[in-house]
Amino acid sequence: MIKKTKDASAPTSAPDLEKSLAELEKIVERLEAGDLTLDDSLKQFERGVALTRQCQTALRSAEQKVEILLRKSGVNSGDDSGEGFETAPFDTDLGDETP
């Protein structure tokens, strides 16, 4: 009998990220509805914090992979042609719009 093994190079973080974001949205909806007990609200909040951390880790990993791919392709090789990509830090603070 041949066993199928999971390919280590297969992309697994994107579906996990999507699932985490979907669950996080549901938690926010439940908390905003205000129908939960204090204990349930705290449990949902704790789960939301954990999901947020997972999402941040997945996004950081994806950002690193993109940067590695850009370096390997020579896109950011320091030429002034203006045709390359420029990497910039990702701003995670969406609530603060002040420059």
PDB file of N, CA and C in Angstrom:
ATOM      1  N   MET A   1       0.840  -1.178   0.000  1.00  0.00           N
ATOM      2  CA  MET A   1       0.000   0.000   0.000  1.00  0.00           C
ATOM      3  C   MET A   1       0.886   1.243   0.000  1.00  0.00           C
ATOM      4  N   ILE A   2       0.582   2.194  -0.858  1.00  0.00           N
ATOM      5  CA  ILE A   2       1.347   3.425  -0.969  1.00  0.00           C
ATOM      6  C   ILE A   2       0.663   4.508  -0.160  1.00  0.00           C
ATOM      7  N   LYS A   3       1.449   5.126   0.719  1.00  0.00           N
ATOM      8  CA  LYS A   3       0.915   6.218   1.527  1.00  0.00           C
ATOM      9  C   LYS A   3       1.221   7.538   0.851  1.00  0.00           C
ATOM     10  N   LYS A   4       0.247   8.410   0.844  1.00  0.00           N
ATOM     11  CA  LYS A   4       0.463   9.750   0.316  1.00  0.00           C
ATOM     12  C   LYS A   4       0.972  10.624   1.442  1.00  0.00           C
ATOM     13  N   THR A   5       2.073  11.306   1.167  1.00  0.00           N
ATOM     14  CA  THR A   5       2.596  12.234   2.153  1.00  0.00           C
ATOM     15  C   THR A   5       2.348  13.648   1.685  1.00  0.00           C
ATOM     16  N   LYS A   6       2.214  14.522   2.628  1.00  0.00           N
ATOM     17  CA  LYS A   6       1.963  15.922   2.308  1.00  0.00           C
ATOM     18  C   LYS A   6       3.247  16.558   1.807  1.00  0.00           C
ATOM     19  N   ASP A   7       3.177  17.229   0.680  1.00  0.00           N
ATOM     20  CA  ASP A   7       4.322  17.906   0.105  1.00  0.00           C
ATOM     21  C   ASP A   7       4.678  19.107   0.967  1.00  0.00           C
ATOM     22  N   ALA A   8       5.919  19.161   1.434  1.00  0.00           N
ATOM     23  CA  ALA A   8       6.352  20.247   2.313  1.00  0.00           C
ATOM     24  C   ALA A   8       6.351  21.592   1.609  1.00  0.00           C
ATOM     25  N   SER A   9       6.450  21.589   0.288  1.00  0.00           N
ATOM     26  CA  SER A   9       6.480  22.858  -0.434  1.00  0.00           C
ATOM     27  C   SER A   9       5.094  23.332  -0.845  1.00  0.00           C
ATOM     28  N   ALA A  10       4.070  22.546  -0.548  1.00  0.00           N
ATOM     29  CA  ALA A  10       2.706  22.929  -0.917  1.00  0.00           C
ATOM     30  C   ALA A  10       2.265  24.119  -0.070  1.00  0.00           C
ATOM     31  N   PRO A  11       1.600  25.102  -0.686  1.00  0.00           N
ATOM     32  CA  PRO A  11       1.180  26.282   0.079  1.00  0.00           C
ATOM     33  C   PRO A  11       0.035  25.951   1.020  1.00  0.00           C
ATOM     34  N   THR A  12       0.301  26.027   2.324  1.00  0.00           N
ATOM     35  CA  THR A  12      -0.735  25.740   3.306  1.00  0.00           C
ATOM     36  C   THR A  12      -1.131  26.979   4.085  1.00  0.00           C
ATOM     37  N   SER A  13      -0.315  28.025   4.074  1.00  0.00           N
ATOM     38  CA  SER A  13      -0.607  29.186   4.904  1.00  0.00           C
ATOM     39  C   SER A  13      -1.754  30.029   4.352  1.00  0.00           C
ATOM     40  N   ALA A  14      -1.929  30.068   3.035  1.00  0.00           N
ATOM     41  CA  ALA A  14      -3.003  30.891   2.474  1.00  0.00           C
ATOM     42  C   ALA A  14      -4.381  30.392   2.899  1.00  0.00           C
ATOM     43  N   PRO A  15      -4.677  29.096   2.755  1.00  0.00           N
ATOM     44  CA  PRO A  15      -5.987  28.637   3.234  1.00  0.00           C
ATOM     45  C   PRO A  15      -6.140  28.822   4.739  1.00  0.00           C
ATOM     46  N   ASP A  16      -5.060  28.589   5.497  1.00  0.00           N
ATOM     47  CA  ASP A  16      -5.122  28.786   6.937  1.00  0.00           C
ATOM     48  C   ASP A  16      -5.391  30.251   7.261  1.00  0.00           C
ATOM     49  N   LEU A  17      -4.774  31.140   6.525  1.00  0.00           N
ATOM     50  CA  LEU A  17      -4.986  32.567   6.722  1.00  0.00           C
ATOM     51  C   LEU A  17      -6.436  32.923   6.423  1.00  0.00           C
ATOM     52  N   GLU A  18      -6.945  32.399   5.332  1.00  0.00           N
ATOM     53  CA  GLU A  18      -8.341  32.682   4.970  1.00  0.00           C
ATOM     54  C   GLU A  18      -9.306  32.157   6.027  1.00  0.00           C
ATOM     55  N   LYS A  19      -9.052  30.957   6.532  1.00  0.00           N
ATOM     56  CA  LYS A  19      -9.910  30.385   7.578  1.00  0.00           C
ATOM     57  C   LYS A  19      -9.836  31.222   8.850  1.00  0.00           C
ATOM     58  N   SER A  20      -8.616  31.631   9.198  1.00  0.00           N
ATOM     59  CA  SER A  20      -8.441  32.436  10.409  1.00  0.00           C
ATOM     60  C   SER A  20      -9.154  33.776  10.285  1.00  0.00           C
ATOM     61  N   LEU A  21      -9.040  34.405   9.128  1.00  0.00           N
ATOM     62  CA  LEU A  21      -9.717  35.689   8.914  1.00  0.00           C
ATOM     63  C   LEU A  21     -11.233  35.533   8.963  1.00  0.00           C
ATOM     64  N   ALA A  22     -11.740  34.451   8.369  1.00  0.00           N
ATOM     65  CA  ALA A  22     -13.184  34.217   8.390  1.00  0.00           C
ATOM     66  C   ALA A  22     -13.672  34.002   9.816  1.00  0.00           C
ATOM     67  N   GLU A  23     -12.923  33.219  10.588  1.00  0.00           N
ATOM     68  CA  GLU A  23     -13.309  32.988  11.983  1.00  0.00           C
ATOM     69  C   GLU A  23     -13.226  34.276  12.786  1.00  0.00           C
ATOM     70  N   LEU A  24     -12.209  35.071  12.516  1.00  0.00           N
ATOM     71  CA  LEU A  24     -12.050  36.349  13.209  1.00  0.00           C
ATOM     72  C   LEU A  24     -13.222  37.284  12.913  1.00  0.00           C
ATOM     73  N   GLU A  25     -13.656  37.307  11.667  1.00  0.00           N
ATOM     74  CA  GLU A  25     -14.819  38.135  11.308  1.00  0.00           C
ATOM     75  C   GLU A  25     -16.068  37.682  12.055  1.00  0.00           C
ATOM     76  N   LYS A  26     -16.260  36.380  12.193  1.00  0.00           N
ATOM     77  CA  LYS A  26     -17.427  35.861  12.921  1.00  0.00           C
ATOM     78  C   LYS A  26     -17.360  36.241  14.399  1.00  0.00           C
ATOM     79  N   ILE A  27     -16.166  36.183  14.958  1.00  0.00           N
ATOM     80  CA  ILE A  27     -15.992  36.564  16.365  1.00  0.00           C
ATOM     81  C   ILE A  27     -16.337  38.031  16.559  1.00  0.00           C
ATOM     82  N   VAL A  28     -15.868  38.879  15.658  1.00  0.00           N
ATOM     83  CA  VAL A  28     -16.159  40.311  15.752  1.00  0.00           C
ATOM     84  C   VAL A  28     -17.668  40.543  15.670  1.00  0.00           C
ATOM     85  N   GLU A  29     -18.329  39.849  14.761  1.00  0.00           N
ATOM     86  CA  GLU A  29     -19.789  39.994  14.635  1.00  0.00           C
ATOM     87  C   GLU A  29     -20.493  39.602  15.934  1.00  0.00           C
ATOM     88  N   ARG A  30     -20.061  38.474  16.537  1.00  0.00           N
ATOM     89  CA  ARG A  30     -20.676  38.024  17.787  1.00  0.00           C
ATOM     90  C   ARG A  30     -20.435  39.026  18.913  1.00  0.00           C
ATOM     91  N   LEU A  31     -19.218  39.538  18.974  1.00  0.00           N
ATOM     92  CA  LEU A  31     -18.914  40.502  20.035  1.00  0.00           C
ATOM     93  C   LEU A  31     -19.682  41.807  19.834  1.00  0.00           C
ATOM     94  N   GLU A  32     -19.786  42.251  18.585  1.00  0.00           N
ATOM     95  CA  GLU A  32     -20.517  43.488  18.304  1.00  0.00           C
ATOM     96  C   GLU A  32     -22.008  43.347  18.557  1.00  0.00           C
ATOM     97  N   ALA A  33     -22.546  42.136  18.394  1.00  0.00           N
ATOM     98  CA  ALA A  33     -23.969  41.918  18.639  1.00  0.00           C
ATOM     99  C   ALA A  33     -24.309  42.133  20.115  1.00  0.00           C
ATOM    100  N   GLY A  34     -23.355  41.857  20.995  1.00  0.00           N
ATOM    101  CA  GLY A  34     -23.568  42.108  22.412  1.00  0.00           C
ATOM    102  C   GLY A  34     -24.447  41.102  23.117  1.00  0.00           C
ATOM    103  N   ASP A  35     -24.682  39.950  22.518  1.00  0.00           N
ATOM    104  CA  ASP A  35     -25.569  38.946  23.103  1.00  0.00           C
ATOM    105  C   ASP A  35     -24.835  37.924  23.975  1.00  0.00           C
ATOM    106  N   LEU A  36     -23.516  38.014  24.044  1.00  0.00           N
ATOM    107  CA  LEU A  36     -22.744  37.032  24.800  1.00  0.00           C
ATOM    108  C   LEU A  36     -22.625  37.437  26.263  1.00  0.00           C
ATOM    109  N   THR A  37     -22.442  36.434  27.109  1.00  0.00           N
ATOM    110  CA  THR A  37     -22.169  36.714  28.513  1.00  0.00           C
ATOM    111  C   THR A  37     -20.753  37.275  28.616  1.00  0.00           C
ATOM    112  N   LEU A  38     -20.429  37.821  29.757  1.00  0.00           N
ATOM    113  CA  LEU A  38     -19.097  38.370  29.955  1.00  0.00           C
ATOM    114  C   LEU A  38     -18.038  37.284  29.781  1.00  0.00           C
ATOM    115  N   ASP A  39     -18.282  36.117  30.348  1.00  0.00           N
ATOM    116  CA  ASP A  39     -17.335  35.010  30.241  1.00  0.00           C
ATOM    117  C   ASP A  39     -17.154  34.586  28.781  1.00  0.00           C
ATOM    118  N   ASP A  40     -18.251  34.455  28.052  1.00  0.00           N
ATOM    119  CA  ASP A  40     -18.170  34.078  26.634  1.00  0.00           C
ATOM    120  C   ASP A  40     -17.484  35.164  25.808  1.00  0.00           C
ATOM    121  N   SER A  41     -17.756  36.420  26.157  1.00  0.00           N
ATOM    122  CA  SER A  41     -17.111  37.530  25.457  1.00  0.00           C
ATOM    123  C   SER A  41     -15.604  37.486  25.649  1.00  0.00           C
ATOM    124  N   LEU A  42     -15.163  37.213  26.873  1.00  0.00           N
ATOM    125  CA  LEU A  42     -13.732  37.124  27.146  1.00  0.00           C
ATOM    126  C   LEU A  42     -13.091  35.960  26.390  1.00  0.00           C
ATOM    127  N   LYS A  43     -13.791  34.833  26.337  1.00  0.00           N
ATOM    128  CA  LYS A  43     -13.263  33.674  25.594  1.00  0.00           C
ATOM    129  C   LYS A  43     -13.154  33.994  24.104  1.00  0.00           C
ATOM    130  N   GLN A  44     -14.162  34.658  23.575  1.00  0.00           N
ATOM    131  CA  GLN A  44     -14.135  35.037  22.159  1.00  0.00           C
ATOM    132  C   GLN A  44     -13.022  36.048  21.889  1.00  0.00           C
ATOM    133  N   PHE A  45     -12.849  36.984  22.799  1.00  0.00           N
ATOM    134  CA  PHE A  45     -11.786  37.976  22.654  1.00  0.00           C
ATOM    135  C   PHE A  45     -10.421  37.302  22.655  1.00  0.00           C
ATOM    136  N   GLU A  46     -10.208  36.369  23.593  1.00  0.00           N
ATOM    137  CA  GLU A  46      -8.944  35.642  23.657  1.00  0.00           C
ATOM    138  C   GLU A  46      -8.693  34.872  22.364  1.00  0.00           C
ATOM    139  N   ARG A  47      -9.729  34.247  21.836  1.00  0.00           N
ATOM    140  CA  ARG A  47      -9.590  33.512  20.567  1.00  0.00           C
ATOM    141  C   ARG A  47      -9.260  34.487  19.443  1.00  0.00           C
ATOM    142  N   GLY A  48      -9.882  35.640  19.453  1.00  0.00           N
ATOM    143  CA  GLY A  48      -9.614  36.656  18.439  1.00  0.00           C
ATOM    144  C   GLY A  48      -8.167  37.136  18.479  1.00  0.00           C
ATOM    145  N   VAL A  49      -7.637  37.315  19.674  1.00  0.00           N
ATOM    146  CA  VAL A  49      -6.239  37.730  19.821  1.00  0.00           C
ATOM    147  C   VAL A  49      -5.323  36.651  19.256  1.00  0.00           C
ATOM    148  N   ALA A  50      -5.615  35.388  19.561  1.00  0.00           N
ATOM    149  CA  ALA A  50      -4.794  34.283  19.049  1.00  0.00           C
ATOM    150  C   ALA A  50      -4.858  34.223  17.522  1.00  0.00           C
ATOM    151  N   LEU A  51      -6.042  34.397  16.962  1.00  0.00           N
ATOM    152  CA  LEU A  51      -6.192  34.388  15.503  1.00  0.00           C
ATOM    153  C   LEU A  51      -5.454  35.556  14.861  1.00  0.00           C
ATOM    154  N   THR A  52      -5.509  36.712  15.501  1.00  0.00           N
ATOM    155  CA  THR A  52      -4.800  37.879  14.988  1.00  0.00           C
ATOM    156  C   THR A  52      -3.304  37.617  14.933  1.00  0.00           C
ATOM    157  N   ARG A  53      -2.781  37.003  15.961  1.00  0.00           N
ATOM    158  CA  ARG A  53      -1.346  36.667  15.987  1.00  0.00           C
ATOM    159  C   ARG A  53      -1.002  35.676  14.884  1.00  0.00           C
ATOM    160  N   GLN A  54      -1.867  34.681  14.679  1.00  0.00           N
ATOM    161  CA  GLN A  54      -1.634  33.709  13.605  1.00  0.00           C
ATOM    162  C   GLN A  54      -1.614  34.400  12.248  1.00  0.00           C
ATOM    163  N   CYS A  55      -2.546  35.306  12.039  1.00  0.00           N
ATOM    164  CA  CYS A  55      -2.622  36.033  10.769  1.00  0.00           C
ATOM    165  C   CYS A  55      -1.383  36.897  10.567  1.00  0.00           C
ATOM    166  N   GLN A  56      -0.946  37.566  11.611  1.00  0.00           N
ATOM    167  CA  GLN A  56       0.248  38.406  11.508  1.00  0.00           C
ATOM    168  C   GLN A  56       1.472  37.561  11.161  1.00  0.00           C
ATOM    169  N   THR A  57       1.580  36.389  11.767  1.00  0.00           N
ATOM    170  CA  THR A  57       2.700  35.498  11.477  1.00  0.00           C
ATOM    171  C   THR A  57       2.651  35.031  10.027  1.00  0.00           C
ATOM    172  N   ALA A  58       1.466  34.664   9.548  1.00  0.00           N
ATOM    173  CA  ALA A  58       1.317  34.207   8.160  1.00  0.00           C
ATOM    174  C   ALA A  58       1.654  35.329   7.184  1.00  0.00           C
ATOM    175  N   LEU A  59       1.226  36.555   7.494  1.00  0.00           N
ATOM    176  CA  LEU A  59       1.517  37.687   6.612  1.00  0.00           C
ATOM    177  C   LEU A  59       3.012  38.019   6.607  1.00  0.00           C
ATOM    178  N   ARG A  60       3.641  37.953   7.775  1.00  0.00           N
ATOM    179  CA  ARG A  60       5.086  38.181   7.842  1.00  0.00           C
ATOM    180  C   ARG A  60       5.838  37.148   7.005  1.00  0.00           C
ATOM    181  N   SER A  61       5.409  35.898   7.108  1.00  0.00           N
ATOM    182  CA  SER A  61       6.040  34.826   6.338  1.00  0.00           C
ATOM    183  C   SER A  61       5.875  35.056   4.840  1.00  0.00           C
ATOM    184  N   ALA A  62       4.683  35.449   4.435  1.00  0.00           N
ATOM    185  CA  ALA A  62       4.436  35.713   3.012  1.00  0.00           C
ATOM    186  C   ALA A  62       5.277  36.888   2.528  1.00  0.00           C
ATOM    187  N   GLU A  63       5.393  37.919   3.357  1.00  0.00           N
ATOM    188  CA  GLU A  63       6.199  39.085   2.994  1.00  0.00           C
ATOM    189  C   GLU A  63       7.665  38.686   2.808  1.00  0.00           C
ATOM    190  N   GLN A  64       8.162  37.837   3.682  1.00  0.00           N
ATOM    191  CA  GLN A  64       9.541  37.374   3.573  1.00  0.00           C
ATOM    192  C   GLN A  64       9.752  36.559   2.298  1.00  0.00           C
ATOM    193  N   LYS A  65       8.785  35.715   1.969  1.00  0.00           N
ATOM    194  CA  LYS A  65       8.885  34.910   0.749  1.00  0.00           C
ATOM    195  C   LYS A  65       8.905  35.795  -0.495  1.00  0.00           C
ATOM    196  N   VAL A  66       8.059  36.823  -0.504  1.00  0.00           N
ATOM    197  CA  VAL A  66       8.030  37.744  -1.639  1.00  0.00           C
ATOM    198  C   VAL A  66       9.362  38.465  -1.766  1.00  0.00           C
ATOM    199  N   GLU A  67       9.895  38.905  -0.641  1.00  0.00           N
ATOM    200  CA  GLU A  67      11.169  39.609  -0.676  1.00  0.00           C
ATOM    201  C   GLU A  67      12.290  38.701  -1.182  1.00  0.00           C
ATOM    202  N   ILE A  68      12.287  37.454  -0.763  1.00  0.00           N
ATOM    203  CA  ILE A  68      13.291  36.494  -1.235  1.00  0.00           C
ATOM    204  C   ILE A  68      13.155  36.278  -2.734  1.00  0.00           C
ATOM    205  N   LEU A  69      11.916  36.121  -3.200  1.00  0.00           N
ATOM    206  CA  LEU A  69      11.688  35.928  -4.636  1.00  0.00           C
ATOM    207  C   LEU A  69      12.147  37.143  -5.441  1.00  0.00           C
ATOM    208  N   LEU A  70      11.893  38.331  -4.924  1.00  0.00           N
ATOM    209  CA  LEU A  70      12.331  39.539  -5.615  1.00  0.00           C
ATOM    210  C   LEU A  70      13.848  39.609  -5.688  1.00  0.00           C
ATOM    211  N   ARG A  71      14.497  39.246  -4.596  1.00  0.00           N
ATOM    212  CA  ARG A  71      15.964  39.257  -4.592  1.00  0.00           C
ATOM    213  C   ARG A  71      16.527  38.234  -5.573  1.00  0.00           C
ATOM    214  N   LYS A  72      15.924  37.045  -5.594  1.00  0.00           N
ATOM    215  CA  LYS A  72      16.404  35.993  -6.498  1.00  0.00           C
ATOM    216  C   LYS A  72      16.221  36.382  -7.958  1.00  0.00           C
ATOM    217  N   SER A  73      15.167  37.120  -8.233  1.00  0.00           N
ATOM    218  CA  SER A  73      14.911  37.513  -9.620  1.00  0.00           C
ATOM    219  C   SER A  73      15.720  38.728 -10.031  1.00  0.00           C
ATOM    220  N   GLY A  74      16.399  39.348  -9.068  1.00  0.00           N
ATOM    221  CA  GLY A  74      17.232  40.504  -9.374  1.00  0.00           C
ATOM    222  C   GLY A  74      16.442  41.766  -9.604  1.00  0.00           C
ATOM    223  N   VAL A  75      15.206  41.809  -9.195  1.00  0.00           N
ATOM    224  CA  VAL A  75      14.358  42.976  -9.427  1.00  0.00           C
ATOM    225  C   VAL A  75      14.876  44.187  -8.681  1.00  0.00           C
ATOM    226  N   ASN A  76      15.319  44.017  -7.466  1.00  0.00           N
ATOM    227  CA  ASN A  76      15.816  45.132  -6.663  1.00  0.00           C
ATOM    228  C   ASN A  76      17.341  45.150  -6.682  1.00  0.00           C
ATOM    229  N   SER A  77      17.929  45.129  -7.853  1.00  0.00           N
ATOM    230  CA  SER A  77      19.382  45.019  -7.957  1.00  0.00           C
ATOM    231  C   SER A  77      20.098  46.355  -7.844  1.00  0.00           C
ATOM    232  N   GLY A  78      19.369  47.421  -7.550  1.00  0.00           N
ATOM    233  CA  GLY A  78      20.001  48.716  -7.345  1.00  0.00           C
ATOM    234  C   GLY A  78      20.112  49.557  -8.601  1.00  0.00           C
ATOM    235  N   ASP A  79      19.550  49.115  -9.717  1.00  0.00           N
ATOM    236  CA  ASP A  79      19.600  49.949 -10.925  1.00  0.00           C
ATOM    237  C   ASP A  79      18.575  51.058 -10.830  1.00  0.00           C
ATOM    238  N   ASP A  80      18.797  52.130 -11.536  1.00  0.00           N
ATOM    239  CA  ASP A  80      17.904  53.289 -11.483  1.00  0.00           C
ATOM    240  C   ASP A  80      16.950  53.334 -12.667  1.00  0.00           C
ATOM    241  N   SER A  81      16.638  52.183 -13.239  1.00  0.00           N
ATOM    242  CA  SER A  81      15.777  52.164 -14.407  1.00  0.00           C
ATOM    243  C   SER A  81      14.322  52.451 -14.060  1.00  0.00           C
ATOM    244  N   GLY A  82      13.969  52.284 -12.768  1.00  0.00           N
ATOM    245  CA  GLY A  82      12.586  52.536 -12.360  1.00  0.00           C
ATOM    246  C   GLY A  82      11.651  51.398 -12.707  1.00  0.00           C
ATOM    247  N   GLU A  83      12.180  50.314 -13.263  1.00  0.00           N
ATOM    248  CA  GLU A  83      11.331  49.202 -13.652  1.00  0.00           C
ATOM    249  C   GLU A  83      11.177  48.157 -12.555  1.00  0.00           C
ATOM    250  N   GLY A  84      11.995  48.238 -11.512  1.00  0.00           N
ATOM    251  CA  GLY A  84      11.946  47.248 -10.444  1.00  0.00           C
ATOM    252  C   GLY A  84      10.876  47.571  -9.421  1.00  0.00           C
ATOM    253  N   PHE A  85      10.730  46.642  -8.492  1.00  0.00           N
ATOM    254  CA  PHE A  85       9.794  46.838  -7.397  1.00  0.00           C
ATOM    255  C   PHE A  85      10.543  47.396  -6.210  1.00  0.00           C
ATOM    256  N   GLU A  86       9.850  48.141  -5.402  1.00  0.00           N
ATOM    257  CA  GLU A  86      10.438  48.660  -4.185  1.00  0.00           C
ATOM    258  C   GLU A  86       9.666  48.090  -3.014  1.00  0.00           C
ATOM    259  N   THR A  87      10.373  47.481  -2.067  1.00  0.00           N
ATOM    260  CA  THR A  87       9.695  46.943  -0.896  1.00  0.00           C
ATOM    261  C   THR A  87       9.573  48.040   0.146  1.00  0.00           C
ATOM    262  N   ALA A  88       8.487  47.979   0.908  1.00  0.00           N
ATOM    263  CA  ALA A  88       8.248  48.947   1.967  1.00  0.00           C
ATOM    264  C   ALA A  88       7.589  48.218   3.118  1.00  0.00           C
ATOM    265  N   PRO A  89       7.771  48.688   4.325  1.00  0.00           N
ATOM    266  CA  PRO A  89       7.136  48.042   5.475  1.00  0.00           C
ATOM    267  C   PRO A  89       5.618  48.091   5.351  1.00  0.00           C
ATOM    268  N   PHE A  90       4.991  47.053   5.807  1.00  0.00           N
ATOM    269  CA  PHE A  90       3.534  46.954   5.786  1.00  0.00           C
ATOM    270  C   PHE A  90       2.980  47.643   7.010  1.00  0.00           C
ATOM    271  N   ASP A  91       2.092  48.626   6.814  1.00  0.00           N
ATOM    272  CA  ASP A  91       1.494  49.369   7.911  1.00  0.00           C
ATOM    273  C   ASP A  91       0.287  48.604   8.423  1.00  0.00           C
ATOM    274  N   THR A  92       0.381  48.073   9.643  1.00  0.00           N
ATOM    275  CA  THR A  92      -0.726  47.299  10.201  1.00  0.00           C
ATOM    276  C   THR A  92      -1.684  48.125  11.023  1.00  0.00           C
ATOM    277  N   ASP A  93      -1.365  49.408  11.250  1.00  0.00           N
ATOM    278  CA  ASP A  93      -2.234  50.260  12.040  1.00  0.00           C
ATOM    279  C   ASP A  93      -3.222  50.958  11.116  1.00  0.00           C
ATOM    280  N   LEU A  94      -4.372  50.316  10.903  1.00  0.00           N
ATOM    281  CA  LEU A  94      -5.363  50.841   9.960  1.00  0.00           C
ATOM    282  C   LEU A  94      -6.197  51.970  10.550  1.00  0.00           C
ATOM    283  N   GLY A  95      -6.218  52.077  11.872  1.00  0.00           N
ATOM    284  CA  GLY A  95      -7.061  53.079  12.500  1.00  0.00           C
ATOM    285  C   GLY A  95      -6.453  54.466  12.531  1.00  0.00           C
ATOM    286  N   ASP A  96      -5.163  54.559  12.403  1.00  0.00           N
ATOM    287  CA  ASP A  96      -4.487  55.851  12.520  1.00  0.00           C
ATOM    288  C   ASP A  96      -4.140  56.366  11.131  1.00  0.00           C
ATOM    289  N   GLU A  97      -4.855  57.339  10.660  1.00  0.00           N
ATOM    290  CA  GLU A  97      -4.658  57.876   9.324  1.00  0.00           C
ATOM    291  C   GLU A  97      -3.776  59.121   9.294  1.00  0.00           C
ATOM    292  N   THR A  98      -3.230  59.523  10.447  1.00  0.00           N
ATOM    293  CA  THR A  98      -2.394  60.703  10.483  1.00  0.00           C
ATOM    294  C   THR A  98      -0.998  60.387   9.965  1.00  0.00           C
ATOM    295  N   PRO A  99      -0.408  61.265   9.133  1.00  0.00           N
ATOM    296  CA  PRO A  99       0.919  60.987   8.574  1.00  0.00           C
ATOM    297  C   PRO A  99       2.021  61.087   9.589  1.00  0.00           C
TER     298      PRO A  99
END
